[in-house]
Amino acid sequence: MRLDWWLIGICSSRAFSGIIVMTYAAALPVLQQEWALSAAVAGSIASGYQISYAISLVVFSALADRIGPKPLFIRSLQAAAVSSIAFAIFARGYLSALILYILVALSLGGTYTTALMILADRYPVERRGMATGWFIASTSLGYALSLLISGIAIPIGGYKLSFMATCSGPLLALIMAWITLRKTQVSVVARHKEQRFTEEVLGNKPAMLLIGSYTFHSWELLGMWAWTPAFLTACLALGGTGGLNSAGQGAQISAAFHLTGLIASFSMGMLSDRLGRARVIIMMAGISTVCSFVFGWTIGWPFVIIVGIGLIYGFSSLGDSPVLSTALTEVVRPSYLGSAFGLRSLLGFSAGAVSPLVFGFILDLTNPLRAQQTYYSNWGWAFSMLGAGGVVAVWAAYRFGRIRIEKE
């Protein structure tokens, strides 16, 4: 099969832009000690990022329906390149990190749903799952690179070197996007006067079920992403690996989880082209929910078992993401697709913003002797909280599948 260089280009841009996203999560165990942050306060930076990202997604998605996704995609990457470099240079404490990470999130928000709209415009339905799967997989590649680079940099030069090494990613993303899209024409579909958001999106039951499933998928996924490096660091520390080495190794192993998510994204996207969207969503969401209820209780188990469960967790928790995105493009009119993605982003990333904060609060609550410990030892209840959201995601996906069967 002939290589699709256009898709490779847009996916490369996505991967480079993702290199900054896990920068904070990778350095979290170090930052908690050097900046004297409680788990709840540390989680608030991740939550601030997700809330800002959600707001940005809504604004850019709504604008994309009117002026087109391509110019917004490029302008967002330009802003992300500048704000990311500023974060690397000036984030040296809680307040500066919070403000600058929020600016990064506001910038990057214009690069996700706009890209999905560009893909939907370029690829027919029978190839759309494949294309979207590769795009989401490139996101995982960026996150994995972020963790790998951080894992190497933290033991050598602490969080400052890690920040500097990862925050040039959006600049590289901008270069790749400009090369790929400079000759690409993306259509803007006009809305008819009789069409209304309340009918086309809010009154569209299949779309709302997909949005609901995505919302609780995000609650589980983004909470897991934010805290897994710290969890693995605690597992390593309790096993005898100390200091910056445990943080570095925790970040590197977390990168492997993202690589399994990369494999899941493109494989499940292609599988959904064959088996149907609902079946794949239910399968992936169900497995990840089980992992959420198990993973946190494994601390103290043989580390190889913890990693094995984590690899399954990383695969399943992201495997439904491209399928949820592809399915939404198939049940909403093109003229309202940006608005539908905007609502989905608002709900999904708002849930993902609250999730790390609630996770941190539960950690503080269930580890009352934290002042006498270097790392948390009780993680089960916090991860189980993520699983509760996964249960709702499975139910919404099941209801979506039943409606699709009834229509057929």
Protein backbone atom coordinates (compact mmCIF):
# COMPACT_ATOMS: atom_id res chain seq x y z
CA MET A 1 0.00 0.00 0.00
CA ARG A 2 1.31 3.44 -0.95
CA LEU A 3 2.50 5.56 1.95
CA ASP A 4 0.14 8.41 2.81
CA TRP A 5 2.69 11.18 3.31
CA TRP A 6 0.00 13.73 4.11
CA LEU A 7 -1.25 11.61 7.04
CA ILE A 8 2.33 11.01 8.19
CA GLY A 9 2.91 14.77 8.19
CA ILE A 10 -0.18 15.67 10.20
CA CYS A 11 0.48 12.82 12.65
CA SER A 12 4.11 13.95 13.07
CA SER A 13 2.88 17.42 13.94
CA ARG A 14 0.52 15.95 16.51
CA ALA A 15 3.30 13.86 18.05
CA PHE A 16 5.64 16.84 18.39
CA SER A 17 2.94 19.01 19.97
CA GLY A 18 2.27 16.25 22.53
CA ILE A 19 5.85 16.24 23.83
CA ILE A 20 5.06 19.04 26.29
CA VAL A 21 1.80 17.57 27.62
CA MET A 22 3.34 15.01 30.00
CA THR A 23 6.20 17.27 31.09
CA TYR A 24 4.51 18.19 34.36
CA ALA A 25 3.22 14.69 35.17
CA ALA A 26 6.69 13.20 34.62
CA ALA A 27 8.31 15.69 37.02
CA LEU A 28 5.47 15.62 39.57
CA PRO A 29 7.22 13.50 42.25
CA VAL A 30 10.23 15.85 42.13
CA LEU A 31 8.14 19.03 42.05
CA GLN A 32 6.11 17.94 45.08
CA GLN A 33 9.31 17.81 47.12
CA GLU A 34 11.16 20.83 45.68
CA TRP A 35 8.10 23.11 45.62
CA ALA A 36 6.55 21.63 48.83
CA LEU A 37 3.23 20.71 47.21
CA SER A 38 0.53 18.52 48.72
CA ALA A 39 -1.15 16.03 46.38
CA ALA A 40 -4.26 18.21 46.10
CA VAL A 41 -2.24 21.35 45.29
CA ALA A 42 -0.06 19.43 42.82
CA GLY A 43 -3.19 18.04 41.18
CA SER A 44 -4.58 21.57 40.79
CA ILE A 45 -1.89 22.40 38.21
CA ALA A 46 -2.91 19.41 36.12
CA SER A 47 -6.55 20.40 36.64
CA GLY A 48 -5.82 24.00 35.63
CA TYR A 49 -4.29 22.71 32.42
CA GLN A 50 -7.28 20.49 31.63
CA ILE A 51 -9.89 23.17 32.42
CA SER A 52 -8.08 25.69 30.22
CA TYR A 53 -7.67 23.11 27.48
CA ALA A 54 -11.39 22.36 27.62
CA ILE A 55 -12.31 26.05 27.34
CA SER A 56 -9.92 26.48 24.44
CA LEU A 57 -11.33 23.44 22.66
CA VAL A 58 -14.87 24.79 22.92
CA VAL A 59 -13.94 28.21 21.54
CA PHE A 60 -11.80 26.90 18.68
CA SER A 61 -14.31 24.18 17.78
CA ALA A 62 -17.16 26.66 17.52
CA LEU A 63 -15.04 29.04 15.43
CA ALA A 64 -14.00 26.20 13.13
CA ASP A 65 -17.58 25.75 11.91
CA ARG A 66 -17.56 29.36 10.71
CA ILE A 67 -14.06 30.19 9.48
CA GLY A 68 -12.63 26.72 8.87
CA PRO A 69 -10.35 24.46 10.92
CA LYS A 70 -7.09 24.91 8.98
CA PRO A 71 -6.20 28.54 9.90
CA LEU A 72 -7.11 27.93 13.53
CA PHE A 73 -4.92 24.84 13.63
CA ILE A 74 -1.87 26.76 12.39
CA ARG A 75 -2.43 29.82 14.62
CA SER A 76 -2.82 27.61 17.68
CA LEU A 77 0.49 25.91 17.04
CA GLN A 78 2.18 29.30 16.70
CA ALA A 79 0.88 30.34 20.13
CA ALA A 80 1.78 26.95 21.62
CA ALA A 81 5.38 27.23 20.43
CA VAL A 82 5.81 30.56 22.24
CA SER A 83 3.98 29.60 25.46
CA SER A 84 5.82 26.27 25.75
CA ILE A 85 9.24 27.90 25.61
CA ALA A 86 8.07 30.42 28.22
CA PHE A 87 6.99 27.55 30.49
CA ALA A 88 10.41 25.92 30.21
CA ILE A 89 12.24 29.12 31.12
CA PHE A 90 10.02 30.72 33.76
CA ALA A 91 8.08 27.93 35.58
CA ARG A 92 9.92 27.81 38.90
CA GLY A 93 7.17 27.46 41.49
CA TYR A 94 3.48 26.74 41.97
CA LEU A 95 2.05 30.05 40.77
CA SER A 96 4.35 30.51 37.77
CA ALA A 97 3.84 26.89 36.69
CA LEU A 98 0.06 27.18 37.03
CA ILE A 99 -0.17 30.37 34.96
CA LEU A 100 2.24 29.29 32.24
CA TYR A 101 0.81 25.77 31.95
CA ILE A 102 -2.63 27.31 31.54
CA LEU A 103 -1.29 29.43 28.67
CA VAL A 104 0.13 26.30 27.03
CA ALA A 105 -3.27 24.61 27.37
CA LEU A 106 -5.14 27.59 25.90
CA SER A 107 -2.79 27.51 22.91
CA LEU A 108 -2.89 23.77 22.28
CA GLY A 109 -6.69 23.65 22.46
CA GLY A 110 -6.93 24.74 18.85
CA THR A 111 -4.94 21.78 17.54
CA TYR A 112 -7.17 18.81 18.39
CA THR A 113 -10.76 19.06 17.18
CA THR A 114 -9.67 21.23 14.26
CA ALA A 115 -7.35 18.42 13.13
CA LEU A 116 -10.16 15.87 13.51
CA MET A 117 -12.33 18.05 11.28
CA ILE A 118 -9.54 18.29 8.70
CA LEU A 119 -9.26 14.49 8.72
CA ALA A 120 -13.04 14.05 8.40
CA ASP A 121 -13.01 16.38 5.39
CA ARG A 122 -10.17 14.50 3.69
CA TYR A 123 -11.07 10.82 4.33
CA PRO A 124 -14.28 8.90 3.43
CA VAL A 125 -16.16 6.96 6.11
CA GLU A 126 -14.63 3.61 5.20
CA ARG A 127 -11.10 4.95 5.85
CA ARG A 128 -11.88 7.47 8.56
CA GLY A 129 -11.42 5.10 11.49
CA MET A 130 -7.95 4.24 10.23
CA ALA A 131 -6.94 7.89 9.74
CA THR A 132 -8.35 9.00 13.09
CA GLY A 133 -6.71 6.03 14.79
CA TRP A 134 -3.30 6.97 13.45
CA PHE A 135 -3.84 10.58 14.54
CA ILE A 136 -4.74 9.57 18.10
CA ALA A 137 -1.82 7.12 18.07
CA SER A 138 0.54 9.97 17.23
CA THR A 139 -0.75 11.73 20.34
CA SER A 140 0.35 8.75 22.41
CA LEU A 141 3.71 8.79 20.67
CA GLY A 142 4.18 12.42 21.71
CA TYR A 143 3.26 11.63 25.31
CA ALA A 144 5.61 8.65 25.35
CA LEU A 145 8.45 10.78 23.98
CA SER A 146 7.69 13.37 26.65
CA LEU A 147 8.01 10.77 29.39
CA LEU A 148 11.09 9.14 27.87
CA ILE A 149 12.90 12.45 27.49
CA SER A 150 11.87 13.49 31.00
CA GLY A 151 12.95 10.14 32.40
CA ILE A 152 16.43 10.65 30.97
CA ALA A 153 16.70 14.35 31.85
CA ILE A 154 15.41 14.33 35.45
CA PRO A 155 18.23 12.18 36.96
CA ILE A 156 20.81 14.29 35.10
CA GLY A 157 19.56 17.84 35.65
CA GLY A 158 16.31 17.70 37.60
CA TYR A 159 13.03 19.19 36.45
CA LYS A 160 14.69 22.26 34.89
CA LEU A 161 16.56 20.20 32.31
CA SER A 162 13.45 18.10 31.74
CA PHE A 163 11.39 21.21 31.01
CA MET A 164 13.98 22.57 28.59
CA ALA A 165 14.29 19.26 26.77
CA THR A 166 10.56 18.77 26.17
CA CYS A 167 9.17 22.23 25.55
CA SER A 168 10.54 22.69 22.03
CA GLY A 169 8.04 20.10 20.76
CA PRO A 170 5.31 22.56 19.68
CA LEU A 171 7.82 24.53 17.58
CA LEU A 172 8.67 21.35 15.66
CA ALA A 173 4.94 20.64 15.39
CA LEU A 174 4.36 24.03 13.80
CA ILE A 175 7.03 23.40 11.18
CA MET A 176 5.57 19.99 10.26
CA ALA A 177 2.00 21.34 10.11
CA TRP A 178 2.98 24.21 7.81
CA ILE A 179 4.80 21.84 5.43
CA THR A 180 1.88 19.38 5.37
CA LEU A 181 -1.05 21.79 5.07
CA ARG A 182 0.37 24.57 2.90
CA LYS A 183 -1.43 23.22 -0.21
CA THR A 184 -4.37 21.52 1.53
CA GLN A 185 -7.84 22.95 0.92
CA VAL A 186 -10.42 22.33 3.67
CA SER A 187 -14.08 23.03 2.96
CA VAL A 188 -16.36 25.07 5.22
CA VAL A 189 -19.95 23.74 5.16
CA ALA A 190 -22.64 26.43 5.33
CA ARG A 191 -25.49 26.04 7.83
CA HIS A 192 -29.12 26.14 6.73
CA LYS A 193 -31.38 28.57 8.55
CA GLU A 194 -33.70 25.81 9.74
CA GLN A 195 -30.85 23.96 11.47
CA ARG A 196 -30.39 24.55 15.20
CA PHE A 197 -27.77 23.41 17.71
CA THR A 198 -30.49 22.14 20.03
CA GLU A 199 -31.77 19.81 17.32
CA GLU A 200 -28.56 18.86 15.51
CA VAL A 201 -26.52 18.14 18.64
CA LEU A 202 -28.49 18.27 21.89
CA GLY A 203 -31.48 16.50 20.31
CA ASN A 204 -29.28 13.94 18.58
CA LYS A 205 -29.45 10.95 20.94
CA PRO A 206 -26.62 8.89 19.37
CA ALA A 207 -24.36 11.97 19.45
CA MET A 208 -25.18 12.73 23.08
CA LEU A 209 -24.52 9.13 24.13
CA LEU A 210 -21.13 9.28 22.40
CA ILE A 211 -20.41 12.59 24.12
CA GLY A 212 -21.43 11.07 27.45
CA SER A 213 -19.20 8.05 26.95
CA TYR A 214 -16.32 10.33 25.97
CA THR A 215 -16.85 12.48 29.07
CA PHE A 216 -16.39 9.58 31.48
CA HIS A 217 -13.67 8.08 29.29
CA SER A 218 -11.80 11.37 29.83
CA TRP A 219 -12.44 11.27 33.58
CA GLU A 220 -10.73 7.89 33.74
CA LEU A 221 -7.99 8.44 31.15
CA LEU A 222 -6.77 11.90 32.17
CA GLY A 223 -6.78 11.05 35.85
CA MET A 224 -4.74 7.94 35.12
CA TRP A 225 -2.29 9.83 32.90
CA ALA A 226 -1.75 12.55 35.50
CA TRP A 227 -0.93 10.23 38.39
CA THR A 228 0.53 7.02 36.93
CA PRO A 229 4.15 8.32 36.87
CA ALA A 230 3.87 9.24 40.56
CA PHE A 231 2.28 5.86 41.35
CA LEU A 232 5.09 3.97 39.64
CA THR A 233 7.63 6.18 41.40
CA ALA A 234 6.06 5.21 44.73
CA CYS A 235 6.15 1.52 43.77
CA LEU A 236 9.84 1.78 42.89
CA ALA A 237 10.67 3.80 46.01
CA LEU A 238 8.96 1.32 48.29
CA GLY A 239 10.92 -1.40 46.50
CA GLY A 240 14.23 0.27 47.30
CA THR A 241 14.89 2.60 44.35
CA GLY A 242 15.46 6.06 45.78
CA GLY A 243 15.64 9.73 44.93
CA LEU A 244 15.57 11.06 41.39
CA ASN A 245 16.22 7.60 39.98
CA SER A 246 12.78 6.36 41.02
CA ALA A 247 11.14 9.42 39.42
CA GLY A 248 13.14 8.96 36.23
CA GLN A 249 12.33 5.26 36.00
CA GLY A 250 8.67 5.91 36.80
CA ALA A 251 8.46 8.34 33.89
CA GLN A 252 10.21 5.95 31.52
CA ILE A 253 7.93 3.04 32.39
CA SER A 254 4.88 5.30 32.05
CA ALA A 255 6.11 6.04 28.53
CA ALA A 256 5.74 2.32 27.73
CA PHE A 257 2.08 2.56 28.78
CA HIS A 258 1.59 5.36 26.26
CA LEU A 259 3.25 3.27 23.58
CA THR A 260 0.67 0.53 24.15
CA GLY A 261 -1.96 3.27 23.78
CA LEU A 262 -0.34 4.18 20.48
CA ILE A 263 -0.77 0.59 19.26
CA ALA A 264 -4.35 0.55 20.55
CA SER A 265 -5.29 3.76 18.76
CA PHE A 266 -4.43 2.75 15.22
CA SER A 267 -5.37 -0.93 15.64
CA MET A 268 -8.74 -0.24 17.28
CA GLY A 269 -9.50 2.53 14.79
CA MET A 270 -8.98 0.09 11.91
CA LEU A 271 -10.82 -2.70 13.76
CA SER A 272 -13.85 -0.44 14.20
CA ASP A 273 -13.98 0.03 10.41
CA ARG A 274 -14.63 -3.73 10.26
CA LEU A 275 -16.52 -4.67 13.43
CA GLY A 276 -18.44 -1.47 14.07
CA ARG A 277 -17.82 1.47 16.38
CA ALA A 278 -19.98 0.43 19.36
CA ARG A 279 -18.48 -3.05 19.78
CA VAL A 280 -14.93 -1.76 19.95
CA ILE A 281 -15.83 1.09 22.33
CA ILE A 282 -17.58 -1.28 24.76
CA MET A 283 -14.72 -3.78 24.68
CA MET A 284 -12.00 -1.21 25.35
CA ALA A 285 -13.96 0.76 27.96
CA GLY A 286 -14.85 -2.42 29.81
CA ILE A 287 -11.26 -3.64 30.08
CA SER A 288 -9.95 -0.25 31.20
CA THR A 289 -12.65 -0.01 33.87
CA VAL A 290 -11.55 -3.33 35.36
CA CYS A 291 -7.94 -2.11 35.33
CA SER A 292 -8.91 1.07 37.19
CA PHE A 293 -10.47 -0.96 39.98
CA VAL A 294 -7.37 -3.18 40.26
CA PHE A 295 -4.29 -1.07 39.44
CA GLY A 296 -3.98 1.07 42.58
CA TRP A 297 -4.21 -1.94 44.91
CA THR A 298 -1.15 -3.57 43.33
CA ILE A 299 1.42 -1.42 45.16
CA GLY A 300 3.71 -3.80 47.01
CA TRP A 301 3.13 -6.57 44.45
CA PRO A 302 6.03 -7.85 42.29
CA PHE A 303 6.90 -4.94 40.02
CA VAL A 304 6.68 -7.04 36.86
CA ILE A 305 2.99 -7.73 37.60
CA ILE A 306 2.32 -4.03 38.20
CA VAL A 307 3.89 -3.18 34.85
CA GLY A 308 1.97 -5.96 33.10
CA ILE A 309 -1.38 -4.67 34.38
CA GLY A 310 -0.29 -1.13 33.53
CA LEU A 311 0.42 -2.10 29.92
CA ILE A 312 -3.08 -3.54 29.58
CA TYR A 313 -4.44 -0.40 31.28
CA GLY A 314 -2.59 1.89 28.88
CA PHE A 315 -3.80 -0.08 25.86
CA SER A 316 -7.46 -0.29 26.81
CA SER A 317 -7.89 3.19 28.26
CA LEU A 318 -6.95 4.82 24.95
CA GLY A 319 -8.26 2.17 22.56
CA ASP A 320 -11.77 3.63 22.46
CA SER A 321 -10.66 7.24 21.93
CA PRO A 322 -10.29 7.27 18.11
CA VAL A 323 -13.46 5.21 17.75
CA LEU A 324 -15.47 7.69 19.83
CA SER A 325 -14.15 10.52 17.65
CA THR A 326 -14.82 8.73 14.38
CA ALA A 327 -18.33 7.72 15.42
CA LEU A 328 -19.23 11.32 16.25
CA THR A 329 -18.27 12.49 12.74
CA GLU A 330 -20.74 9.94 11.36
CA VAL A 331 -23.82 10.92 13.38
CA VAL A 332 -23.57 14.75 13.27
CA ARG A 333 -24.05 16.99 10.22
CA PRO A 334 -20.74 18.47 8.96
CA SER A 335 -22.05 22.01 9.50
CA TYR A 336 -22.42 21.30 13.24
CA LEU A 337 -19.46 18.98 13.71
CA GLY A 338 -17.26 21.65 15.27
CA SER A 339 -20.01 22.58 17.73
CA ALA A 340 -20.51 18.91 18.63
CA PHE A 341 -16.79 18.48 19.21
CA GLY A 342 -16.83 21.68 21.25
CA LEU A 343 -19.54 20.39 23.58
CA ARG A 344 -17.78 17.06 23.85
CA SER A 345 -14.51 18.78 24.65
CA LEU A 346 -16.09 21.01 27.27
CA LEU A 347 -17.65 18.08 29.10
CA GLY A 348 -14.82 15.60 28.55
CA PHE A 349 -11.89 17.79 29.45
CA SER A 350 -13.77 19.42 32.31
CA ALA A 351 -14.25 15.94 33.73
CA GLY A 352 -10.59 15.25 33.01
CA ALA A 353 -9.65 18.47 34.78
CA VAL A 354 -11.55 17.60 37.95
CA SER A 355 -10.36 14.00 37.96
CA PRO A 356 -6.66 14.60 38.90
CA LEU A 357 -7.75 17.02 41.62
CA VAL A 358 -10.21 14.53 43.14
CA PHE A 359 -7.58 11.80 42.79
CA GLY A 360 -5.09 13.91 44.76
CA PHE A 361 -7.70 14.73 47.42
CA ILE A 362 -8.45 11.02 47.89
CA LEU A 363 -4.71 10.31 48.13
CA ASP A 364 -4.34 12.87 50.91
CA LEU A 365 -7.45 11.54 52.65
CA THR A 366 -6.41 7.87 52.52
CA ASN A 367 -2.77 8.50 53.49
CA PRO A 368 -3.13 10.36 56.81
CA LEU A 369 0.50 9.74 57.82
CA ARG A 370 1.84 11.51 54.72
CA ALA A 371 4.06 13.86 56.80
CA GLN A 372 6.04 10.85 58.03
CA GLN A 373 6.37 9.23 54.60
CA THR A 374 8.38 10.06 51.49
CA TYR A 375 5.80 8.55 49.13
CA TYR A 376 2.15 7.56 49.30
CA SER A 377 1.49 3.91 50.08
CA ASN A 378 -2.31 3.69 49.59
CA TRP A 379 -3.46 4.23 45.99
CA GLY A 380 -6.36 1.81 45.61
CA TRP A 381 -9.26 4.13 46.46
CA ALA A 382 -7.98 6.91 44.21
CA PHE A 383 -7.71 4.64 41.16
CA SER A 384 -11.08 3.05 41.95
CA MET A 385 -12.60 6.51 41.72
CA LEU A 386 -11.47 6.53 38.08
CA GLY A 387 -13.15 3.16 37.54
CA ALA A 388 -16.49 4.55 38.65
CA GLY A 389 -16.38 6.87 35.64
CA GLY A 390 -15.45 3.95 33.41
CA VAL A 391 -18.66 2.14 34.38
CA VAL A 392 -20.74 5.06 33.09
CA ALA A 393 -18.68 5.19 29.87
CA VAL A 394 -19.46 1.52 29.20
CA TRP A 395 -23.17 2.04 29.81
CA ALA A 396 -23.38 5.02 27.42
CA ALA A 397 -21.51 3.09 24.72
CA TYR A 398 -23.89 0.14 25.16
CA ARG A 399 -26.93 2.40 24.74
CA PHE A 400 -25.37 3.95 21.61
CA GLY A 401 -24.87 0.47 20.15
CA ARG A 402 -28.48 -0.50 20.84
CA ILE A 403 -29.77 2.60 19.05
CA ARG A 404 -27.56 1.92 16.03
CA ILE A 405 -28.85 -1.67 15.85
CA GLU A 406 -32.48 -0.51 16.08
CA LYS A 407 -31.94 1.99 13.23
CA GLU A 408 -30.39 -0.68 11.03
